[in-house]
């Protein structure tokens, strides 16, 4: 006897396994899997009862909610994308820790691409020379031209 899985949607969040088993008792439910906090579940039933279960139980009411019952389908793979916000039609951009444009330098001037260093004034090109690392390398932004961490201690 082959088993088939039912998808049960619009499930009340307070429903538990006993509620589902008693509601679908005529179809010999087995292996109830409730997805917590999402409002749906999966139930295995004998394959020959699949069509009649969908016809009779789709639209039925359980604890005041109308259920959506259909045959469960395999999960489709979703594309894996990196983190960060990406609006429609916009490329993903990454900035430094403080979101200062795309350069991601330490406290950089976002409009001119310059970075302030104690004793040296502004430095063009947004280098991290003499400062502590803010956004170079893998974490996003443009890597600095100098050695990271060279020179002074971070000011907290």
N, C-alpha and C. Protein backbone atom coordinates (compact mmCIF):
# COMPACT_ATOMS: atom_id res chain seq x y z
N UNK A 1 0.84 -1.16 0.00
CA UNK A 1 0.00 0.00 0.00
C UNK A 1 0.90 1.24 0.00
N UNK A 2 0.78 2.05 -1.04
CA UNK A 2 1.59 3.26 -1.17
C UNK A 2 1.00 4.40 -0.35
N UNK A 3 1.87 5.20 0.20
CA UNK A 3 1.45 6.35 0.99
C UNK A 3 1.50 7.60 0.11
N UNK A 4 0.62 8.55 0.41
CA UNK A 4 0.61 9.84 -0.26
C UNK A 4 0.56 10.91 0.82
N UNK A 5 1.10 12.07 0.52
CA UNK A 5 1.12 13.16 1.49
C UNK A 5 0.14 14.25 1.12
N UNK A 6 -0.58 14.73 2.12
CA UNK A 6 -1.49 15.85 1.96
C UNK A 6 -0.85 17.11 2.52
N UNK A 7 -1.06 18.21 1.85
CA UNK A 7 -0.69 19.53 2.37
C UNK A 7 -1.94 20.12 2.99
N UNK A 8 -1.85 20.60 4.21
CA UNK A 8 -2.98 21.23 4.90
C UNK A 8 -2.57 22.66 5.21
N UNK A 9 -3.18 23.61 4.51
CA UNK A 9 -2.86 25.02 4.70
C UNK A 9 -3.95 25.75 5.46
N UNK A 10 -3.65 26.97 5.90
CA UNK A 10 -4.54 27.81 6.68
C UNK A 10 -4.91 27.14 8.01
N UNK A 11 -3.98 26.43 8.55
CA UNK A 11 -4.17 25.70 9.80
C UNK A 11 -4.11 26.68 10.98
N UNK A 12 -5.00 26.55 11.96
CA UNK A 12 -4.90 27.42 13.14
C UNK A 12 -3.57 27.17 13.86
N UNK A 13 -2.96 28.23 14.37
CA UNK A 13 -1.66 28.07 15.04
C UNK A 13 -1.76 27.25 16.31
N UNK A 14 -2.94 27.20 16.91
CA UNK A 14 -3.11 26.43 18.14
C UNK A 14 -3.42 24.96 17.87
N UNK A 15 -3.57 24.55 16.61
CA UNK A 15 -3.86 23.15 16.28
C UNK A 15 -2.65 22.28 16.58
N UNK A 16 -2.92 21.09 17.11
CA UNK A 16 -1.83 20.15 17.36
C UNK A 16 -2.10 18.85 16.61
N UNK A 17 -1.26 17.86 16.82
CA UNK A 17 -1.36 16.59 16.09
C UNK A 17 -2.69 15.89 16.35
N UNK A 18 -3.19 15.94 17.57
CA UNK A 18 -4.45 15.27 17.89
C UNK A 18 -5.63 15.90 17.15
N UNK A 19 -5.64 17.23 17.02
CA UNK A 19 -6.70 17.89 16.26
C UNK A 19 -6.72 17.42 14.81
N UNK A 20 -5.55 17.34 14.21
CA UNK A 20 -5.46 16.95 12.80
C UNK A 20 -5.84 15.48 12.62
N UNK A 21 -5.35 14.62 13.50
CA UNK A 21 -5.68 13.19 13.40
C UNK A 21 -7.18 12.97 13.54
N UNK A 22 -7.83 13.65 14.48
CA UNK A 22 -9.27 13.46 14.65
C UNK A 22 -10.06 14.05 13.48
N UNK A 23 -9.59 15.16 12.90
CA UNK A 23 -10.30 15.78 11.77
C UNK A 23 -10.19 14.93 10.50
N UNK A 24 -9.06 14.26 10.31
CA UNK A 24 -8.83 13.43 9.12
C UNK A 24 -8.95 11.94 9.43
N UNK A 25 -9.67 11.55 10.50
CA UNK A 25 -9.75 10.17 10.95
C UNK A 25 -10.31 9.21 9.89
N UNK A 26 -11.22 9.66 9.05
CA UNK A 26 -11.82 8.80 8.04
C UNK A 26 -10.81 8.36 6.97
N UNK A 27 -9.67 9.03 6.90
CA UNK A 27 -8.69 8.73 5.85
C UNK A 27 -7.42 8.08 6.40
N UNK A 28 -7.48 7.57 7.62
CA UNK A 28 -6.38 6.86 8.27
C UNK A 28 -5.08 7.66 8.23
N UNK A 29 -5.05 8.84 8.88
CA UNK A 29 -3.83 9.66 8.84
C UNK A 29 -2.68 9.02 9.58
N UNK A 30 -1.49 9.30 9.08
CA UNK A 30 -0.28 8.74 9.66
C UNK A 30 0.84 9.78 9.48
N UNK A 31 1.74 9.86 10.40
CA UNK A 31 2.91 10.73 10.28
C UNK A 31 2.51 12.19 10.04
N UNK A 32 1.93 12.82 11.04
CA UNK A 32 1.54 14.23 10.96
C UNK A 32 2.77 15.08 11.24
N UNK A 33 3.03 16.04 10.35
CA UNK A 33 4.17 16.94 10.50
C UNK A 33 3.66 18.38 10.46
N UNK A 34 3.61 19.03 11.61
CA UNK A 34 3.15 20.41 11.71
C UNK A 34 4.37 21.33 11.63
N UNK A 35 4.28 22.33 10.77
CA UNK A 35 5.35 23.33 10.67
C UNK A 35 4.98 24.45 11.64
N UNK A 36 5.69 24.50 12.77
CA UNK A 36 5.36 25.43 13.86
C UNK A 36 5.44 26.87 13.41
N UNK A 37 4.44 27.64 13.79
CA UNK A 37 4.44 29.06 13.54
C UNK A 37 4.24 29.46 12.09
N UNK A 38 3.90 28.53 11.22
CA UNK A 38 3.73 28.83 9.80
C UNK A 38 2.31 28.58 9.31
N UNK A 39 1.50 27.85 10.06
CA UNK A 39 0.11 27.65 9.71
C UNK A 39 -0.14 26.58 8.66
N UNK A 40 0.75 25.61 8.54
CA UNK A 40 0.46 24.49 7.65
C UNK A 40 1.09 23.21 8.19
N UNK A 41 0.64 22.08 7.62
CA UNK A 41 1.11 20.77 8.06
C UNK A 41 1.06 19.80 6.89
N UNK A 42 1.68 18.65 7.08
CA UNK A 42 1.66 17.56 6.11
C UNK A 42 1.19 16.31 6.83
N UNK A 43 0.38 15.51 6.14
CA UNK A 43 -0.16 14.27 6.71
C UNK A 43 -0.04 13.18 5.66
N UNK A 44 0.45 12.02 6.07
CA UNK A 44 0.50 10.87 5.17
C UNK A 44 -0.78 10.07 5.31
N UNK A 45 -1.35 9.67 4.16
CA UNK A 45 -2.55 8.82 4.13
C UNK A 45 -2.33 7.76 3.06
N UNK A 46 -3.14 6.69 3.04
CA UNK A 46 -3.01 5.70 1.98
C UNK A 46 -3.27 6.33 0.61
N UNK A 47 -2.49 5.92 -0.39
CA UNK A 47 -2.55 6.52 -1.72
C UNK A 47 -3.90 6.44 -2.39
N UNK A 48 -4.66 5.37 -2.16
CA UNK A 48 -5.97 5.23 -2.81
C UNK A 48 -7.02 6.18 -2.23
N UNK A 49 -6.75 6.76 -1.08
CA UNK A 49 -7.71 7.69 -0.46
C UNK A 49 -7.36 9.15 -0.73
N UNK A 50 -6.33 9.41 -1.51
CA UNK A 50 -5.86 10.77 -1.73
C UNK A 50 -6.91 11.66 -2.38
N UNK A 51 -7.48 11.20 -3.51
CA UNK A 51 -8.45 12.03 -4.24
C UNK A 51 -9.70 12.34 -3.40
N UNK A 52 -10.22 11.32 -2.72
CA UNK A 52 -11.43 11.56 -1.92
C UNK A 52 -11.13 12.45 -0.72
N UNK A 53 -9.93 12.35 -0.15
CA UNK A 53 -9.57 13.21 0.98
C UNK A 53 -9.50 14.67 0.54
N UNK A 54 -8.92 14.92 -0.63
CA UNK A 54 -8.82 16.30 -1.13
C UNK A 54 -10.21 16.86 -1.40
N UNK A 55 -11.07 16.06 -2.05
CA UNK A 55 -12.42 16.53 -2.38
C UNK A 55 -13.24 16.84 -1.13
N UNK A 56 -13.18 15.96 -0.14
CA UNK A 56 -14.02 16.12 1.05
C UNK A 56 -13.46 17.12 2.05
N UNK A 57 -12.14 17.23 2.18
CA UNK A 57 -11.55 18.03 3.25
C UNK A 57 -11.13 19.44 2.82
N UNK A 58 -10.98 19.67 1.52
CA UNK A 58 -10.62 21.01 1.07
C UNK A 58 -11.81 21.95 1.32
N UNK A 59 -11.60 23.00 2.09
CA UNK A 59 -12.66 23.93 2.45
C UNK A 59 -13.36 23.57 3.75
N UNK A 60 -13.01 22.44 4.37
CA UNK A 60 -13.63 22.09 5.66
C UNK A 60 -13.09 23.04 6.74
N UNK A 61 -13.81 23.09 7.85
CA UNK A 61 -13.46 24.02 8.93
C UNK A 61 -12.87 23.26 10.11
N UNK A 62 -11.73 23.75 10.59
CA UNK A 62 -11.08 23.21 11.78
C UNK A 62 -10.79 24.37 12.71
N UNK A 63 -11.41 24.37 13.89
CA UNK A 63 -11.21 25.40 14.90
C UNK A 63 -11.49 26.80 14.34
N UNK A 64 -12.53 26.91 13.51
CA UNK A 64 -12.95 28.20 12.98
C UNK A 64 -12.21 28.67 11.74
N UNK A 65 -11.36 27.86 11.16
CA UNK A 65 -10.62 28.26 9.96
C UNK A 65 -10.88 27.27 8.83
N UNK A 66 -11.06 27.81 7.62
CA UNK A 66 -11.27 26.95 6.44
C UNK A 66 -9.93 26.45 5.94
N UNK A 67 -9.81 25.13 5.84
CA UNK A 67 -8.54 24.52 5.46
C UNK A 67 -8.38 24.47 3.95
N UNK A 68 -7.15 24.61 3.50
CA UNK A 68 -6.77 24.38 2.11
C UNK A 68 -6.06 23.04 2.08
N UNK A 69 -6.64 22.06 1.40
CA UNK A 69 -6.07 20.72 1.37
C UNK A 69 -5.75 20.37 -0.07
N UNK A 70 -4.53 19.94 -0.31
CA UNK A 70 -4.11 19.51 -1.64
C UNK A 70 -3.02 18.46 -1.50
N UNK A 71 -2.62 17.90 -2.64
CA UNK A 71 -1.53 16.93 -2.62
C UNK A 71 -0.22 17.66 -2.39
N UNK A 72 0.60 17.14 -1.50
CA UNK A 72 1.89 17.77 -1.21
C UNK A 72 2.83 17.58 -2.40
N UNK A 73 3.54 18.64 -2.74
CA UNK A 73 4.52 18.59 -3.83
C UNK A 73 5.92 18.69 -3.23
N UNK A 74 6.90 18.15 -3.94
CA UNK A 74 8.28 18.27 -3.43
C UNK A 74 8.71 19.73 -3.41
N UNK A 75 9.54 20.06 -2.48
CA UNK A 75 10.04 21.44 -2.35
C UNK A 75 10.94 21.77 -3.53
N UNK A 76 10.70 22.95 -4.13
CA UNK A 76 11.52 23.38 -5.25
C UNK A 76 12.74 24.12 -4.72
N UNK A 77 13.90 23.89 -5.34
CA UNK A 77 15.09 24.60 -4.88
C UNK A 77 14.98 26.10 -5.17
N UNK A 78 15.41 26.90 -4.21
CA UNK A 78 15.37 28.36 -4.38
C UNK A 78 16.80 28.84 -4.64
N UNK A 79 16.94 29.91 -5.43
CA UNK A 79 18.29 30.43 -5.66
C UNK A 79 18.85 31.02 -4.38
N UNK A 80 20.11 30.80 -4.15
CA UNK A 80 20.78 31.31 -2.97
C UNK A 80 21.48 32.61 -3.33
N UNK A 81 21.08 33.68 -2.68
CA UNK A 81 21.70 34.97 -2.93
C UNK A 81 22.34 35.47 -1.65
N UNK A 82 23.26 36.39 -1.80
CA UNK A 82 23.95 36.96 -0.65
C UNK A 82 23.01 37.82 0.17
N UNK A 83 23.49 38.27 1.30
CA UNK A 83 22.69 39.09 2.19
C UNK A 83 22.58 40.52 1.72
N UNK A 84 21.92 41.32 2.48
CA UNK A 84 21.78 42.73 2.17
C UNK A 84 20.50 43.02 1.42
N UNK A 85 20.08 44.28 1.46
CA UNK A 85 18.86 44.67 0.78
C UNK A 85 19.13 44.85 -0.69
N UNK A 86 18.22 44.36 -1.50
CA UNK A 86 18.35 44.51 -2.93
C UNK A 86 16.98 44.82 -3.47
N UNK A 87 16.75 46.05 -3.85
CA UNK A 87 15.46 46.45 -4.39
C UNK A 87 15.30 45.97 -5.81
N UNK A 88 14.12 46.13 -6.39
CA UNK A 88 13.89 45.68 -7.74
C UNK A 88 14.77 46.43 -8.73
N UNK A 89 15.51 45.71 -9.54
CA UNK A 89 16.34 46.30 -10.57
C UNK A 89 17.60 46.97 -10.07
N UNK A 90 17.97 46.75 -8.79
CA UNK A 90 19.17 47.38 -8.25
C UNK A 90 20.23 46.33 -7.99
N UNK A 91 21.46 46.60 -8.35
CA UNK A 91 22.53 45.65 -8.01
C UNK A 91 22.82 45.70 -6.52
N UNK A 92 23.31 44.61 -5.99
CA UNK A 92 23.62 44.57 -4.58
C UNK A 92 24.87 45.39 -4.32
N UNK A 93 24.81 46.27 -3.34
CA UNK A 93 25.95 47.12 -3.01
C UNK A 93 26.36 46.82 -1.58
N UNK A 94 27.64 46.94 -1.32
CA UNK A 94 28.08 46.73 0.05
C UNK A 94 28.94 47.90 0.46
N UNK A 95 28.72 48.38 1.65
CA UNK A 95 29.51 49.47 2.19
C UNK A 95 30.28 48.99 3.38
N UNK A 96 30.94 49.89 4.08
CA UNK A 96 31.68 49.54 5.27
C UNK A 96 30.74 49.39 6.44
N UNK A 97 31.31 49.37 7.65
CA UNK A 97 30.50 49.18 8.84
C UNK A 97 29.49 50.31 9.04
N UNK A 98 29.82 51.50 8.60
CA UNK A 98 28.95 52.63 8.84
C UNK A 98 28.16 53.02 7.61
N UNK A 99 28.21 52.24 6.54
CA UNK A 99 27.41 52.49 5.35
C UNK A 99 27.76 53.79 4.65
N UNK A 100 29.01 54.16 4.61
CA UNK A 100 29.43 55.40 3.98
C UNK A 100 29.68 55.18 2.49
N UNK A 101 28.62 55.06 1.71
CA UNK A 101 28.76 54.86 0.26
C UNK A 101 29.29 53.49 -0.05
N UNK A 102 29.85 53.33 -1.23
CA UNK A 102 30.35 52.02 -1.62
C UNK A 102 31.79 51.80 -1.22
N UNK A 103 32.50 52.85 -0.76
CA UNK A 103 33.91 52.71 -0.41
C UNK A 103 34.12 51.97 0.88
N UNK A 104 33.30 52.24 1.88
CA UNK A 104 33.40 51.52 3.14
C UNK A 104 34.66 51.83 3.90
N UNK A 105 35.16 53.06 3.87
CA UNK A 105 36.39 53.41 4.56
C UNK A 105 36.10 53.83 5.99
N UNK A 106 37.20 54.02 6.76
CA UNK A 106 36.97 54.39 8.15
C UNK A 106 36.56 55.85 8.24
N UNK A 107 35.29 56.08 8.55
CA UNK A 107 34.71 57.40 8.73
C UNK A 107 34.98 58.30 7.54
N UNK A 108 34.87 57.76 6.35
CA UNK A 108 35.20 58.50 5.14
C UNK A 108 34.20 59.57 4.79
N UNK A 109 34.64 60.52 3.98
CA UNK A 109 33.77 61.56 3.46
C UNK A 109 33.08 60.99 2.24
N UNK A 110 31.79 60.72 2.32
CA UNK A 110 31.11 59.95 1.29
C UNK A 110 31.04 60.68 -0.04
N UNK A 111 31.02 62.01 -0.03
CA UNK A 111 30.89 62.74 -1.28
C UNK A 111 32.21 62.85 -2.04
N UNK A 112 33.31 62.99 -1.34
CA UNK A 112 34.57 63.22 -2.04
C UNK A 112 35.46 62.00 -2.09
N UNK A 113 35.13 60.93 -1.36
CA UNK A 113 35.98 59.74 -1.37
C UNK A 113 37.24 59.93 -0.56
N UNK A 114 37.28 60.96 0.34
CA UNK A 114 38.46 61.22 1.14
C UNK A 114 38.28 60.66 2.54
N UNK A 115 39.38 60.36 3.19
CA UNK A 115 39.37 59.84 4.55
C UNK A 115 40.23 60.72 5.43
N UNK A 116 39.74 61.05 6.63
CA UNK A 116 40.48 61.89 7.56
C UNK A 116 41.39 61.03 8.42
N UNK A 117 42.67 61.45 8.55
CA UNK A 117 43.62 60.78 9.43
C UNK A 117 44.20 61.82 10.36
N UNK A 118 44.36 61.46 11.64
CA UNK A 118 44.95 62.39 12.62
C UNK A 118 46.37 62.75 12.20
N UNK A 119 46.65 64.03 12.20
CA UNK A 119 47.99 64.51 11.90
C UNK A 119 48.28 64.59 10.42
N UNK A 120 47.50 63.95 9.59
CA UNK A 120 47.82 63.95 8.17
C UNK A 120 46.78 64.64 7.32
N UNK A 121 45.68 65.08 7.91
CA UNK A 121 44.63 65.72 7.14
C UNK A 121 43.89 64.71 6.30
N UNK A 122 43.26 65.21 5.23
CA UNK A 122 42.54 64.31 4.34
C UNK A 122 43.50 63.58 3.43
N UNK A 123 43.18 62.35 3.13
CA UNK A 123 43.97 61.58 2.19
C UNK A 123 43.05 61.15 1.06
N UNK A 124 43.46 61.37 -0.16
CA UNK A 124 42.63 61.02 -1.31
C UNK A 124 42.63 59.51 -1.51
N UNK A 125 41.58 59.01 -2.11
CA UNK A 125 41.55 57.60 -2.52
C UNK A 125 41.00 56.66 -1.48
N UNK A 126 40.73 57.12 -0.29
CA UNK A 126 40.08 56.28 0.70
C UNK A 126 40.90 55.13 1.20
N UNK A 127 42.14 55.35 1.55
CA UNK A 127 42.96 54.25 2.03
C UNK A 127 42.74 54.02 3.51
N UNK A 128 43.08 52.85 3.99
CA UNK A 128 42.98 52.52 5.40
C UNK A 128 44.33 52.68 6.09
N UNK A 129 45.31 53.26 5.46
CA UNK A 129 46.66 53.35 6.01
C UNK A 129 46.64 54.09 7.33
N UNK A 130 47.23 53.49 8.36
CA UNK A 130 47.36 54.14 9.64
C UNK A 130 46.13 53.99 10.53
N UNK A 131 45.08 53.41 10.06
CA UNK A 131 43.86 53.28 10.86
C UNK A 131 43.54 51.84 11.11
N UNK A 132 42.41 51.63 11.72
CA UNK A 132 41.96 50.27 11.93
C UNK A 132 40.98 49.91 10.83
N UNK A 133 40.82 48.64 10.61
CA UNK A 133 40.09 48.15 9.44
C UNK A 133 38.61 48.45 9.56
N UNK A 134 38.05 49.13 8.57
CA UNK A 134 36.62 49.38 8.47
C UNK A 134 36.18 49.11 7.05
N UNK A 135 35.90 47.86 6.72
CA UNK A 135 35.25 47.57 5.46
C UNK A 135 36.15 47.12 4.34
N UNK A 136 37.41 46.87 4.57
CA UNK A 136 38.25 46.37 3.48
C UNK A 136 38.12 44.87 3.37
N UNK A 137 38.72 44.29 2.36
CA UNK A 137 38.76 42.84 2.22
C UNK A 137 37.41 42.24 1.91
N UNK A 138 37.10 41.12 2.54
CA UNK A 138 35.91 40.35 2.19
C UNK A 138 34.61 40.98 2.68
N UNK A 139 34.64 41.80 3.71
CA UNK A 139 33.40 42.27 4.31
C UNK A 139 32.70 43.33 3.47
N UNK A 140 33.24 43.74 2.36
CA UNK A 140 32.60 44.73 1.51
C UNK A 140 33.45 45.97 1.43
N UNK A 141 33.17 46.79 0.47
CA UNK A 141 33.94 48.01 0.31
C UNK A 141 35.22 47.77 -0.45
N UNK A 142 36.03 48.80 -0.55
CA UNK A 142 37.28 48.75 -1.30
C UNK A 142 38.42 48.54 -0.33
N UNK A 143 39.31 47.56 -0.58
CA UNK A 143 40.40 47.35 0.35
C UNK A 143 41.36 48.54 0.36
N UNK A 144 41.98 48.81 1.53
CA UNK A 144 42.91 49.92 1.64
C UNK A 144 44.21 49.67 0.91
N UNK A 145 44.96 50.76 0.69
CA UNK A 145 46.25 50.64 -0.01
C UNK A 145 47.38 50.32 0.94
N UNK A 146 47.25 50.71 2.20
CA UNK A 146 48.32 50.48 3.16
C UNK A 146 48.10 49.20 3.92
N UNK A 147 48.99 48.94 4.87
CA UNK A 147 48.83 47.76 5.70
C UNK A 147 47.79 48.03 6.76
N UNK A 148 46.93 47.11 7.00
CA UNK A 148 45.86 47.30 7.98
C UNK A 148 46.42 47.25 9.39
N UNK A 149 45.87 48.11 10.24
CA UNK A 149 46.26 48.08 11.63
C UNK A 149 47.61 48.72 11.90
N UNK A 150 48.24 49.33 10.93
CA UNK A 150 49.56 49.91 11.11
C UNK A 150 49.44 51.25 11.81
N UNK A 151 50.21 51.45 12.83
CA UNK A 151 50.24 52.79 13.42
C UNK A 151 49.51 52.88 14.74
N UNK A 152 48.30 53.41 14.74
CA UNK A 152 47.67 53.80 15.99
C UNK A 152 46.64 52.81 16.50
N UNK A 153 46.29 52.98 17.75
CA UNK A 153 45.25 52.17 18.38
C UNK A 153 43.89 52.73 17.99
N UNK A 154 42.86 51.91 17.97
CA UNK A 154 41.52 52.43 17.67
C UNK A 154 41.03 53.32 18.81
N UNK A 155 40.30 54.39 18.46
CA UNK A 155 39.75 55.32 19.46
C UNK A 155 38.32 54.88 19.74
N UNK A 156 38.05 54.41 20.95
CA UNK A 156 36.70 53.98 21.32
C UNK A 156 36.10 54.98 22.15
